[in-house]
N, C-alpha and C. Protein backbone atom coordinates (compact mmCIF):
# COMPACT_ATOMS: atom_id res chain seq x y z
N MET A 1 25.04 -60.07 23.54
CA MET A 1 26.17 -60.82 24.02
C MET A 1 26.20 -62.19 23.42
N ASN A 2 27.26 -62.57 22.81
CA ASN A 2 27.41 -63.89 22.17
C ASN A 2 28.46 -64.73 22.92
N ARG A 3 28.09 -65.89 23.30
CA ARG A 3 29.01 -66.80 23.97
C ARG A 3 28.82 -68.21 23.43
N ASP A 4 29.90 -68.98 23.39
CA ASP A 4 29.78 -70.38 23.04
C ASP A 4 29.05 -71.10 24.18
N ILE A 5 28.25 -72.08 23.82
CA ILE A 5 27.55 -72.89 24.80
C ILE A 5 28.02 -74.34 24.66
N ILE A 6 28.37 -74.92 25.80
CA ILE A 6 28.89 -76.30 25.80
C ILE A 6 27.96 -77.12 26.67
N LEU A 7 27.55 -78.29 26.16
CA LEU A 7 26.81 -79.25 26.98
C LEU A 7 27.80 -80.33 27.42
N ALA A 8 28.00 -80.38 28.74
CA ALA A 8 28.98 -81.33 29.29
C ALA A 8 28.28 -82.68 29.53
N SER A 9 27.93 -83.32 28.47
CA SER A 9 27.17 -84.56 28.53
C SER A 9 27.21 -85.23 27.18
N LYS A 10 27.21 -86.56 27.20
CA LYS A 10 27.13 -87.34 25.94
C LYS A 10 25.72 -87.91 25.79
N SER A 11 24.78 -87.43 26.62
CA SER A 11 23.43 -87.91 26.55
C SER A 11 22.74 -87.41 25.31
N GLU A 12 22.27 -88.33 24.48
CA GLU A 12 21.58 -87.92 23.24
C GLU A 12 20.25 -87.25 23.56
N THR A 13 19.60 -87.69 24.63
CA THR A 13 18.32 -87.07 24.98
C THR A 13 18.50 -85.62 25.38
N ARG A 14 19.50 -85.32 26.17
CA ARG A 14 19.76 -83.94 26.57
C ARG A 14 20.12 -83.11 25.34
N ALA A 15 20.96 -83.66 24.48
CA ALA A 15 21.37 -82.93 23.28
C ALA A 15 20.14 -82.64 22.39
N LYS A 16 19.25 -83.64 22.29
CA LYS A 16 18.07 -83.47 21.46
C LYS A 16 17.17 -82.37 21.99
N LEU A 17 17.03 -82.27 23.30
CA LEU A 17 16.22 -81.22 23.89
C LEU A 17 16.76 -79.86 23.54
N LEU A 18 18.10 -79.70 23.61
CA LEU A 18 18.71 -78.41 23.24
C LEU A 18 18.56 -78.14 21.75
N ARG A 19 18.80 -79.14 20.93
CA ARG A 19 18.65 -78.97 19.49
C ARG A 19 17.24 -78.57 19.12
N ASN A 20 16.28 -79.22 19.70
CA ASN A 20 14.87 -78.94 19.40
C ASN A 20 14.50 -77.53 19.81
N ALA A 21 15.17 -76.98 20.78
CA ALA A 21 14.94 -75.59 21.24
C ALA A 21 15.69 -74.59 20.36
N GLY A 22 16.44 -75.10 19.36
CA GLY A 22 17.16 -74.19 18.47
C GLY A 22 18.36 -73.53 19.10
N ILE A 23 18.96 -74.18 20.09
CA ILE A 23 20.12 -73.66 20.77
C ILE A 23 21.37 -74.25 20.14
N SER A 24 22.31 -73.36 19.76
CA SER A 24 23.59 -73.83 19.21
C SER A 24 24.55 -74.18 20.34
N PHE A 25 25.16 -75.35 20.23
CA PHE A 25 26.05 -75.81 21.33
C PHE A 25 26.96 -76.84 20.80
N GLU A 26 28.00 -77.10 21.58
CA GLU A 26 28.92 -78.25 21.38
C GLU A 26 28.82 -79.17 22.54
N THR A 27 29.12 -80.43 22.35
CA THR A 27 29.12 -81.38 23.49
C THR A 27 30.55 -81.79 23.80
N VAL A 28 30.77 -82.01 25.07
CA VAL A 28 32.05 -82.54 25.55
C VAL A 28 31.74 -83.56 26.65
N ALA A 29 32.70 -84.44 26.91
CA ALA A 29 32.61 -85.36 28.04
C ALA A 29 32.92 -84.57 29.29
N HIS A 30 32.17 -84.79 30.35
CA HIS A 30 32.41 -83.97 31.56
C HIS A 30 33.63 -84.44 32.33
N GLY A 31 34.02 -85.71 32.19
CA GLY A 31 35.26 -86.19 32.84
C GLY A 31 35.15 -86.40 34.35
N VAL A 32 33.94 -86.45 34.88
CA VAL A 32 33.72 -86.61 36.31
C VAL A 32 33.53 -88.10 36.64
N ASP A 33 34.26 -88.57 37.64
CA ASP A 33 34.06 -89.95 38.09
C ASP A 33 32.87 -90.00 39.05
N GLU A 34 31.67 -90.33 38.50
CA GLU A 34 30.46 -90.27 39.25
C GLU A 34 30.47 -91.24 40.46
N ASN A 35 30.99 -92.44 40.25
CA ASN A 35 31.00 -93.41 41.37
C ASN A 35 31.87 -92.97 42.50
N GLU A 36 32.99 -92.32 42.16
CA GLU A 36 33.87 -91.83 43.22
C GLU A 36 33.18 -90.73 44.03
N VAL A 37 32.50 -89.85 43.34
CA VAL A 37 31.78 -88.77 44.06
C VAL A 37 30.69 -89.32 44.94
N LYS A 38 29.94 -90.29 44.42
CA LYS A 38 28.85 -90.86 45.22
C LYS A 38 29.40 -91.57 46.45
N LEU A 39 30.57 -92.25 46.30
CA LEU A 39 31.17 -92.93 47.42
C LEU A 39 31.60 -91.94 48.47
N SER A 40 32.19 -90.83 48.05
CA SER A 40 32.69 -89.84 48.99
C SER A 40 31.54 -89.06 49.67
N MET A 41 30.35 -89.08 49.06
CA MET A 41 29.18 -88.40 49.62
C MET A 41 28.12 -89.37 50.12
N SER A 42 28.57 -90.56 50.51
CA SER A 42 27.59 -91.59 50.89
C SER A 42 26.70 -91.22 52.08
N LYS A 43 27.13 -90.27 52.88
CA LYS A 43 26.36 -89.83 54.04
C LYS A 43 25.41 -88.66 53.72
N LYS A 44 25.51 -88.18 52.51
CA LYS A 44 24.67 -87.02 52.10
C LYS A 44 23.34 -87.49 51.54
N THR A 45 22.40 -86.55 51.40
CA THR A 45 21.07 -86.88 50.85
C THR A 45 21.21 -87.06 49.37
N PRO A 46 20.23 -87.83 48.75
CA PRO A 46 20.27 -88.00 47.32
C PRO A 46 20.33 -86.63 46.57
N GLU A 47 19.56 -85.64 47.01
CA GLU A 47 19.56 -84.37 46.32
C GLU A 47 20.91 -83.67 46.42
N GLU A 48 21.57 -83.74 47.56
CA GLU A 48 22.91 -83.13 47.70
C GLU A 48 23.90 -83.77 46.73
N VAL A 49 23.79 -85.08 46.57
CA VAL A 49 24.71 -85.80 45.65
C VAL A 49 24.45 -85.35 44.21
N VAL A 50 23.18 -85.31 43.82
CA VAL A 50 22.81 -84.98 42.44
C VAL A 50 23.25 -83.55 42.12
N VAL A 51 22.99 -82.61 43.03
CA VAL A 51 23.38 -81.23 42.79
C VAL A 51 24.90 -81.09 42.68
N LYS A 52 25.65 -81.75 43.54
CA LYS A 52 27.10 -81.70 43.47
C LYS A 52 27.60 -82.24 42.19
N LEU A 53 27.06 -83.38 41.72
CA LEU A 53 27.50 -83.92 40.44
C LEU A 53 27.23 -83.01 39.28
N ALA A 54 26.03 -82.40 39.27
CA ALA A 54 25.70 -81.45 38.18
C ALA A 54 26.67 -80.28 38.18
N GLU A 55 26.99 -79.76 39.34
CA GLU A 55 27.95 -78.66 39.44
C GLU A 55 29.32 -79.07 38.95
N MET A 56 29.80 -80.24 39.38
CA MET A 56 31.11 -80.73 38.96
C MET A 56 31.17 -80.94 37.47
N LYS A 57 30.08 -81.42 36.86
CA LYS A 57 30.05 -81.70 35.45
C LYS A 57 30.16 -80.39 34.64
N ALA A 58 29.62 -79.32 35.18
CA ALA A 58 29.73 -78.02 34.53
C ALA A 58 31.09 -77.37 34.78
N LEU A 59 31.59 -77.53 35.98
CA LEU A 59 32.82 -76.85 36.37
C LEU A 59 34.06 -77.39 35.71
N LYS A 60 34.14 -78.73 35.59
CA LYS A 60 35.36 -79.34 35.08
C LYS A 60 35.71 -78.86 33.64
N PRO A 61 34.76 -78.91 32.68
CA PRO A 61 35.07 -78.39 31.37
C PRO A 61 35.28 -76.87 31.35
N SER A 62 34.63 -76.20 32.32
CA SER A 62 34.75 -74.71 32.37
C SER A 62 36.16 -74.29 32.72
N MET A 63 36.92 -75.14 33.41
CA MET A 63 38.31 -74.82 33.77
C MET A 63 39.19 -74.63 32.55
N SER A 64 38.89 -75.39 31.46
CA SER A 64 39.72 -75.33 30.27
C SER A 64 39.11 -74.46 29.17
N ASP A 65 37.88 -73.98 29.35
CA ASP A 65 37.27 -73.08 28.38
C ASP A 65 36.52 -72.00 29.14
N ASN A 66 37.27 -71.02 29.58
CA ASN A 66 36.71 -70.00 30.50
C ASN A 66 35.71 -69.09 29.88
N ASP A 67 35.74 -68.93 28.53
CA ASP A 67 34.80 -67.98 27.89
C ASP A 67 33.45 -68.62 27.54
N ALA A 68 33.31 -69.90 27.66
CA ALA A 68 32.05 -70.54 27.28
C ALA A 68 31.15 -70.75 28.47
N LEU A 69 29.84 -70.80 28.18
CA LEU A 69 28.87 -71.26 29.18
C LEU A 69 28.80 -72.76 29.11
N VAL A 70 29.02 -73.41 30.24
CA VAL A 70 29.00 -74.90 30.24
C VAL A 70 27.78 -75.36 31.04
N ILE A 71 26.98 -76.19 30.39
CA ILE A 71 25.80 -76.73 31.01
C ILE A 71 26.12 -78.11 31.59
N GLY A 72 25.86 -78.30 32.85
CA GLY A 72 26.03 -79.59 33.49
C GLY A 72 24.70 -80.04 34.08
N SER A 73 24.35 -81.32 33.90
CA SER A 73 23.08 -81.82 34.47
C SER A 73 23.30 -83.22 35.01
N ASP A 74 22.53 -83.50 36.05
CA ASP A 74 22.62 -84.86 36.66
C ASP A 74 21.24 -85.22 37.18
N GLN A 75 20.98 -86.50 37.18
CA GLN A 75 19.72 -87.03 37.73
C GLN A 75 19.99 -88.11 38.75
N GLY A 76 19.13 -88.16 39.73
CA GLY A 76 19.15 -89.21 40.75
C GLY A 76 17.78 -89.55 41.22
N LEU A 77 17.64 -90.76 41.66
CA LEU A 77 16.32 -91.23 42.08
C LEU A 77 16.32 -91.42 43.59
N ASP A 78 15.46 -90.71 44.29
CA ASP A 78 15.33 -90.79 45.74
C ASP A 78 14.17 -91.70 46.07
N LEU A 79 14.46 -92.89 46.54
CA LEU A 79 13.44 -93.86 46.92
C LEU A 79 13.47 -93.98 48.46
N LYS A 80 12.63 -93.28 49.10
CA LYS A 80 12.53 -93.30 50.59
C LYS A 80 13.86 -92.99 51.22
N GLY A 81 14.56 -91.97 50.67
CA GLY A 81 15.83 -91.55 51.24
C GLY A 81 17.04 -92.26 50.67
N GLU A 82 16.85 -93.28 49.87
CA GLU A 82 17.95 -94.01 49.27
C GLU A 82 18.21 -93.51 47.83
N LEU A 83 19.48 -93.27 47.51
CA LEU A 83 19.83 -92.86 46.15
C LEU A 83 19.96 -94.09 45.29
N ILE A 84 19.11 -94.16 44.26
CA ILE A 84 19.15 -95.26 43.30
C ILE A 84 20.00 -94.83 42.10
N SER A 85 21.07 -95.56 41.86
CA SER A 85 22.00 -95.20 40.75
C SER A 85 21.65 -96.04 39.52
N LYS A 86 22.40 -95.81 38.42
CA LYS A 86 22.17 -96.56 37.19
C LYS A 86 22.46 -98.03 37.41
N ALA A 87 21.63 -98.88 36.81
CA ALA A 87 21.80 -100.31 36.97
C ALA A 87 22.98 -100.79 36.15
N ARG A 88 23.73 -101.74 36.71
CA ARG A 88 24.93 -102.27 36.01
C ARG A 88 24.56 -103.29 34.94
N ASP A 89 23.44 -104.00 35.13
CA ASP A 89 22.96 -104.99 34.17
C ASP A 89 21.48 -105.14 34.33
N LYS A 90 20.91 -105.99 33.49
CA LYS A 90 19.46 -106.11 33.52
C LYS A 90 18.94 -106.82 34.78
N ASN A 91 19.80 -107.67 35.36
CA ASN A 91 19.39 -108.30 36.63
C ASN A 91 19.22 -107.28 37.73
N GLU A 92 20.16 -106.34 37.80
CA GLU A 92 20.08 -105.26 38.78
C GLU A 92 18.93 -104.35 38.41
N ALA A 93 18.72 -104.13 37.12
CA ALA A 93 17.58 -103.30 36.70
C ALA A 93 16.26 -103.89 37.19
N LYS A 94 16.14 -105.23 37.06
CA LYS A 94 14.93 -105.90 37.51
C LYS A 94 14.74 -105.71 39.00
N GLU A 95 15.79 -105.83 39.78
CA GLU A 95 15.67 -105.64 41.25
C GLU A 95 15.28 -104.21 41.59
N GLN A 96 15.83 -103.23 40.83
CA GLN A 96 15.45 -101.84 41.11
C GLN A 96 13.97 -101.61 40.81
N LEU A 97 13.50 -102.13 39.69
CA LEU A 97 12.09 -101.92 39.33
C LEU A 97 11.17 -102.65 40.35
N LYS A 98 11.57 -103.75 40.84
CA LYS A 98 10.76 -104.46 41.88
C LYS A 98 10.69 -103.61 43.16
N LYS A 99 11.78 -102.94 43.51
CA LYS A 99 11.80 -102.05 44.68
C LYS A 99 10.89 -100.84 44.49
N MET A 100 10.86 -100.32 43.27
CA MET A 100 10.07 -99.12 42.98
C MET A 100 8.62 -99.39 42.71
N SER A 101 8.31 -100.67 42.37
CA SER A 101 6.95 -101.05 42.00
C SER A 101 5.95 -100.69 43.09
N GLY A 102 4.87 -99.99 42.68
CA GLY A 102 3.81 -99.66 43.64
C GLY A 102 4.17 -98.54 44.58
N SER A 103 5.30 -97.86 44.37
CA SER A 103 5.76 -96.82 45.26
C SER A 103 5.96 -95.49 44.54
N THR A 104 5.96 -94.44 45.29
CA THR A 104 6.31 -93.11 44.76
C THR A 104 7.78 -92.86 45.05
N HIS A 105 8.53 -92.43 43.99
CA HIS A 105 9.90 -91.96 44.23
C HIS A 105 10.02 -90.58 43.67
N THR A 106 11.07 -89.91 44.07
CA THR A 106 11.33 -88.55 43.58
C THR A 106 12.48 -88.62 42.61
N LEU A 107 12.28 -88.18 41.36
CA LEU A 107 13.31 -88.11 40.37
C LEU A 107 13.85 -86.66 40.44
N ILE A 108 15.12 -86.56 40.88
CA ILE A 108 15.74 -85.26 41.06
C ILE A 108 16.58 -84.95 39.82
N THR A 109 16.35 -83.80 39.21
CA THR A 109 17.10 -83.31 38.06
C THR A 109 17.72 -81.99 38.43
N ALA A 110 19.05 -81.95 38.42
CA ALA A 110 19.78 -80.69 38.68
C ALA A 110 20.43 -80.24 37.39
N THR A 111 20.16 -78.98 37.02
CA THR A 111 20.72 -78.39 35.81
C THR A 111 21.49 -77.15 36.25
N THR A 112 22.73 -77.06 35.79
CA THR A 112 23.63 -75.99 36.24
C THR A 112 24.35 -75.36 35.02
N VAL A 113 24.81 -74.13 35.22
CA VAL A 113 25.61 -73.43 34.22
C VAL A 113 26.82 -72.85 34.86
N ALA A 114 28.01 -73.10 34.29
CA ALA A 114 29.26 -72.57 34.79
C ALA A 114 29.84 -71.61 33.79
N LEU A 115 30.49 -70.59 34.30
CA LEU A 115 31.25 -69.63 33.49
C LEU A 115 32.50 -69.23 34.29
N ASN A 116 33.65 -69.27 33.63
CA ASN A 116 34.89 -68.90 34.31
C ASN A 116 35.12 -69.73 35.60
N ASN A 117 34.78 -71.00 35.51
CA ASN A 117 34.98 -71.92 36.63
C ASN A 117 34.16 -71.57 37.86
N ASN A 118 33.01 -70.92 37.65
CA ASN A 118 32.06 -70.63 38.69
C ASN A 118 30.66 -71.04 38.28
N ILE A 119 29.88 -71.54 39.20
CA ILE A 119 28.47 -71.84 38.93
C ILE A 119 27.70 -70.54 38.99
N ILE A 120 27.10 -70.17 37.87
CA ILE A 120 26.37 -68.89 37.81
C ILE A 120 24.85 -69.08 37.79
N TRP A 121 24.39 -70.30 37.63
CA TRP A 121 22.94 -70.57 37.59
C TRP A 121 22.73 -72.05 37.88
N LYS A 122 21.60 -72.29 38.60
CA LYS A 122 21.27 -73.67 39.00
C LYS A 122 19.78 -73.80 39.16
N HIS A 123 19.24 -74.93 38.77
CA HIS A 123 17.80 -75.26 38.98
C HIS A 123 17.73 -76.71 39.33
N VAL A 124 16.86 -76.97 40.35
CA VAL A 124 16.65 -78.35 40.82
C VAL A 124 15.15 -78.66 40.68
N ASP A 125 14.86 -79.72 39.88
CA ASP A 125 13.48 -80.18 39.77
C ASP A 125 13.31 -81.46 40.54
N ARG A 126 12.18 -81.55 41.25
CA ARG A 126 11.86 -82.74 42.03
C ARG A 126 10.50 -83.30 41.53
N SER A 127 10.54 -84.33 40.74
CA SER A 127 9.33 -84.89 40.13
C SER A 127 8.88 -86.14 40.91
N LYS A 128 7.66 -86.09 41.37
CA LYS A 128 7.08 -87.23 42.09
C LYS A 128 6.56 -88.23 41.05
N MET A 129 7.10 -89.47 41.10
CA MET A 129 6.82 -90.49 40.09
C MET A 129 6.18 -91.70 40.79
N LEU A 130 4.90 -92.01 40.46
CA LEU A 130 4.20 -93.13 41.07
C LEU A 130 4.22 -94.25 40.06
N MET A 131 4.96 -95.33 40.41
CA MET A 131 5.06 -96.49 39.55
C MET A 131 3.89 -97.45 39.79
N ARG A 132 3.41 -98.04 38.72
CA ARG A 132 2.33 -99.01 38.87
C ARG A 132 2.81 -100.21 39.70
N ASN A 133 1.86 -100.92 40.24
CA ASN A 133 2.15 -102.15 41.00
C ASN A 133 2.41 -103.25 39.97
N LEU A 134 3.68 -103.47 39.64
CA LEU A 134 4.03 -104.37 38.53
C LEU A 134 4.33 -105.78 38.99
N LYS A 135 3.86 -106.74 38.25
CA LYS A 135 4.22 -108.13 38.52
C LYS A 135 5.58 -108.44 37.96
N ASP A 136 6.21 -109.48 38.47
CA ASP A 136 7.54 -109.83 38.01
C ASP A 136 7.60 -110.10 36.51
N ASP A 137 6.57 -110.79 35.98
CA ASP A 137 6.58 -111.08 34.54
C ASP A 137 6.38 -109.83 33.68
N GLN A 138 5.71 -108.80 34.26
CA GLN A 138 5.55 -107.54 33.55
C GLN A 138 6.87 -106.77 33.47
N ILE A 139 7.63 -106.82 34.58
CA ILE A 139 8.94 -106.22 34.62
C ILE A 139 9.88 -106.93 33.63
N THR A 140 9.81 -108.24 33.61
CA THR A 140 10.66 -109.00 32.70
C THR A 140 10.30 -108.71 31.25
N GLU A 141 9.00 -108.61 30.96
CA GLU A 141 8.56 -108.27 29.61
C GLU A 141 9.08 -106.91 29.17
N TYR A 142 8.98 -105.94 30.09
CA TYR A 142 9.48 -104.58 29.78
C TYR A 142 10.96 -104.59 29.48
N LEU A 143 11.74 -105.25 30.34
CA LEU A 143 13.20 -105.27 30.14
C LEU A 143 13.60 -106.05 28.89
N ASP A 144 12.80 -107.05 28.53
CA ASP A 144 13.09 -107.81 27.30
C ASP A 144 12.87 -106.97 26.06
N LYS A 145 11.98 -106.03 26.12
CA LYS A 145 11.60 -105.21 24.98
C LYS A 145 12.54 -104.01 24.76
N VAL A 146 13.15 -103.52 25.81
CA VAL A 146 14.00 -102.34 25.68
C VAL A 146 15.44 -102.76 25.45
N ASP A 147 16.23 -101.89 24.80
CA ASP A 147 17.64 -102.26 24.57
C ASP A 147 18.47 -101.90 25.75
N ASP A 148 19.76 -102.30 25.68
CA ASP A 148 20.66 -102.10 26.82
C ASP A 148 20.97 -100.66 27.15
N ASN A 149 20.65 -99.74 26.23
CA ASN A 149 20.89 -98.32 26.48
C ASN A 149 20.07 -97.83 27.72
N ILE A 150 19.03 -98.57 28.01
CA ILE A 150 18.19 -98.20 29.17
C ILE A 150 18.98 -98.28 30.45
N LEU A 151 20.05 -99.06 30.48
CA LEU A 151 20.88 -99.19 31.66
C LEU A 151 21.65 -97.90 31.93
N GLY A 152 21.75 -97.04 30.95
CA GLY A 152 22.43 -95.74 31.17
C GLY A 152 21.48 -94.67 31.75
N LEU A 153 20.25 -95.05 32.05
CA LEU A 153 19.27 -94.10 32.59
C LEU A 153 18.91 -94.42 34.00
N VAL A 154 18.87 -93.40 34.82
CA VAL A 154 18.46 -93.57 36.21
C VAL A 154 17.02 -94.13 36.26
N GLY A 155 16.84 -95.19 37.05
CA GLY A 155 15.49 -95.76 37.12
C GLY A 155 15.14 -96.71 36.00
N VAL A 156 16.07 -96.93 35.08
CA VAL A 156 15.91 -97.81 33.90
C VAL A 156 14.56 -97.53 33.16
N TYR A 157 14.26 -96.28 33.01
CA TYR A 157 13.09 -95.95 32.19
C TYR A 157 13.35 -94.67 31.36
N ALA A 158 12.96 -94.71 30.11
CA ALA A 158 12.94 -93.49 29.26
C ALA A 158 11.47 -93.10 29.18
N ILE A 159 11.13 -92.04 29.83
CA ILE A 159 9.71 -91.66 29.99
C ILE A 159 9.06 -91.35 28.63
N GLU A 160 9.90 -90.88 27.65
CA GLU A 160 9.39 -90.53 26.35
C GLU A 160 9.17 -91.75 25.46
N LYS A 161 9.58 -92.93 25.95
CA LYS A 161 9.45 -94.18 25.20
C LYS A 161 8.61 -95.18 26.02
N GLU A 162 9.01 -96.44 26.05
CA GLU A 162 8.17 -97.46 26.72
C GLU A 162 8.14 -97.29 28.22
N GLY A 163 9.04 -96.48 28.76
CA GLY A 163 9.04 -96.29 30.22
C GLY A 163 7.76 -95.69 30.75
N ILE A 164 7.02 -94.98 29.87
CA ILE A 164 5.75 -94.37 30.33
C ILE A 164 4.74 -95.41 30.79
N LYS A 165 4.89 -96.65 30.26
CA LYS A 165 3.92 -97.71 30.64
C LYS A 165 4.05 -98.12 32.09
N LEU A 166 5.20 -97.80 32.70
CA LEU A 166 5.45 -98.21 34.07
C LEU A 166 4.75 -97.35 35.10
N PHE A 167 4.20 -96.17 34.69
CA PHE A 167 3.78 -95.17 35.64
C PHE A 167 2.26 -94.92 35.69
N GLU A 168 1.76 -94.74 36.90
CA GLU A 168 0.43 -94.34 37.13
C GLU A 168 0.30 -92.82 37.05
N SER A 169 1.31 -92.13 37.54
CA SER A 169 1.38 -90.66 37.44
C SER A 169 2.85 -90.21 37.48
N ILE A 170 3.09 -89.04 36.87
CA ILE A 170 4.46 -88.52 36.86
C ILE A 170 4.42 -87.03 37.21
N GLY A 171 5.56 -86.44 37.41
CA GLY A 171 5.67 -84.98 37.67
C GLY A 171 5.22 -84.19 36.49
N SER A 172 5.09 -82.89 36.68
CA SER A 172 4.53 -82.03 35.62
C SER A 172 5.52 -81.55 34.60
N ASP A 173 6.83 -81.59 34.92
CA ASP A 173 7.80 -81.06 33.97
C ASP A 173 8.47 -82.24 33.20
N LEU A 174 7.90 -82.55 32.05
CA LEU A 174 8.35 -83.68 31.29
C LEU A 174 9.78 -83.52 30.80
N PHE A 175 10.19 -82.29 30.50
CA PHE A 175 11.57 -82.04 30.03
C PHE A 175 12.56 -82.38 31.15
N SER A 176 12.28 -81.96 32.37
CA SER A 176 13.19 -82.27 33.47
C SER A 176 13.28 -83.78 33.67
N ILE A 177 12.14 -84.47 33.56
CA ILE A 177 12.12 -85.89 33.74
C ILE A 177 13.00 -86.61 32.68
N GLN A 178 13.04 -85.98 31.46
CA GLN A 178 13.89 -86.53 30.41
C GLN A 178 15.37 -86.24 30.60
N GLY A 179 15.72 -85.29 31.50
CA GLY A 179 17.13 -85.15 31.80
C GLY A 179 17.70 -83.76 31.93
N ILE A 180 16.92 -82.73 31.52
CA ILE A 180 17.41 -81.39 31.66
C ILE A 180 16.22 -80.42 31.76
N SER A 181 16.33 -79.44 32.63
CA SER A 181 15.22 -78.47 32.86
C SER A 181 15.29 -77.40 31.80
N ILE A 182 14.82 -77.73 30.61
CA ILE A 182 15.01 -76.89 29.42
C ILE A 182 14.18 -75.61 29.51
N ILE A 183 13.02 -75.63 30.11
CA ILE A 183 12.21 -74.42 30.22
C ILE A 183 12.93 -73.38 31.07
N GLN A 184 13.42 -73.82 32.20
CA GLN A 184 14.10 -72.90 33.11
C GLN A 184 15.44 -72.46 32.51
N LEU A 185 16.11 -73.38 31.79
CA LEU A 185 17.38 -73.06 31.18
C LEU A 185 17.22 -71.99 30.07
N THR A 186 16.19 -72.16 29.28
CA THR A 186 15.99 -71.17 28.19
C THR A 186 15.60 -69.83 28.80
N GLN A 187 14.93 -69.78 29.93
CA GLN A 187 14.64 -68.53 30.62
C GLN A 187 15.91 -67.85 31.02
N PHE A 188 16.85 -68.59 31.57
CA PHE A 188 18.15 -68.05 31.97
C PHE A 188 18.86 -67.46 30.74
N LEU A 189 18.84 -68.20 29.61
CA LEU A 189 19.48 -67.72 28.43
C LEU A 189 18.79 -66.43 27.89
N TRP A 190 17.49 -66.43 28.00
CA TRP A 190 16.72 -65.21 27.59
C TRP A 190 17.12 -64.00 28.44
N GLU A 191 17.18 -64.21 29.73
CA GLU A 191 17.49 -63.08 30.63
C GLU A 191 18.91 -62.56 30.41
N ASN A 192 19.76 -63.39 29.83
CA ASN A 192 21.13 -62.97 29.56
C ASN A 192 21.40 -62.70 28.05
N ASN A 193 20.31 -62.50 27.32
CA ASN A 193 20.41 -62.14 25.89
C ASN A 193 21.18 -63.20 25.08
N LEU A 194 20.96 -64.46 25.41
CA LEU A 194 21.67 -65.55 24.74
C LEU A 194 20.75 -66.48 23.98
N LEU A 195 19.46 -66.22 24.01
CA LEU A 195 18.50 -67.17 23.45
C LEU A 195 18.34 -66.96 21.95
N PHE A 196 18.45 -65.70 21.52
CA PHE A 196 18.33 -65.35 20.09
C PHE A 196 19.59 -64.63 19.63
N GLU A 197 19.97 -64.83 18.39
CA GLU A 197 21.13 -64.10 17.85
C GLU A 197 20.84 -62.61 17.80
N ASN A 198 19.62 -62.21 17.44
CA ASN A 198 19.23 -60.81 17.45
C ASN A 198 18.66 -60.47 18.83
N ASN A 199 19.52 -59.84 19.65
CA ASN A 199 19.14 -59.58 21.03
C ASN A 199 18.61 -58.15 21.25
N GLU A 200 18.32 -57.44 20.15
CA GLU A 200 17.86 -56.06 20.32
C GLU A 200 16.42 -56.13 20.82
N THR A 201 16.10 -55.19 21.73
CA THR A 201 14.76 -55.10 22.27
C THR A 201 14.09 -53.76 21.92
């Protein structure tokens, strides 16, 4: 079975994970207003918000391309029941890191697949992340060294780059922490004869 695969994300990290796995895909913007969704779900748990956003990101492009498999993914940071969103600027980033310093938070990664405007597969990873007890000047030094692209990442850290310096321990699924549960996703593609062009067994 051959189907087009669409990644509903402009995240270069997610695209790189798919490319490195040898998966052929196209990227599109998901078109979901994340802030509006978070506002409407303000009484829900962080995980409920993250899963809903991942589903919406897959479903919206699926409405206009019914024959393709659309991958949607979202991440959120649960700090003692509070959903931490992307920082708007480096001042807010510094305040977020100060709140997380010395504490364990859960980085939630939801990966979904839609077909014909229906969610047909979903995986939720919950990574326990223990941040070092950082001094203010260490946080400032970190933020001075990274570029503004870090503001587009939940928790203002790229774990595959300098963000690793912030942590005493992290969850076991590094791919999920980077933004997409690629191991579980490739298993789904394998089970549906979509991982290799030659699907004969």
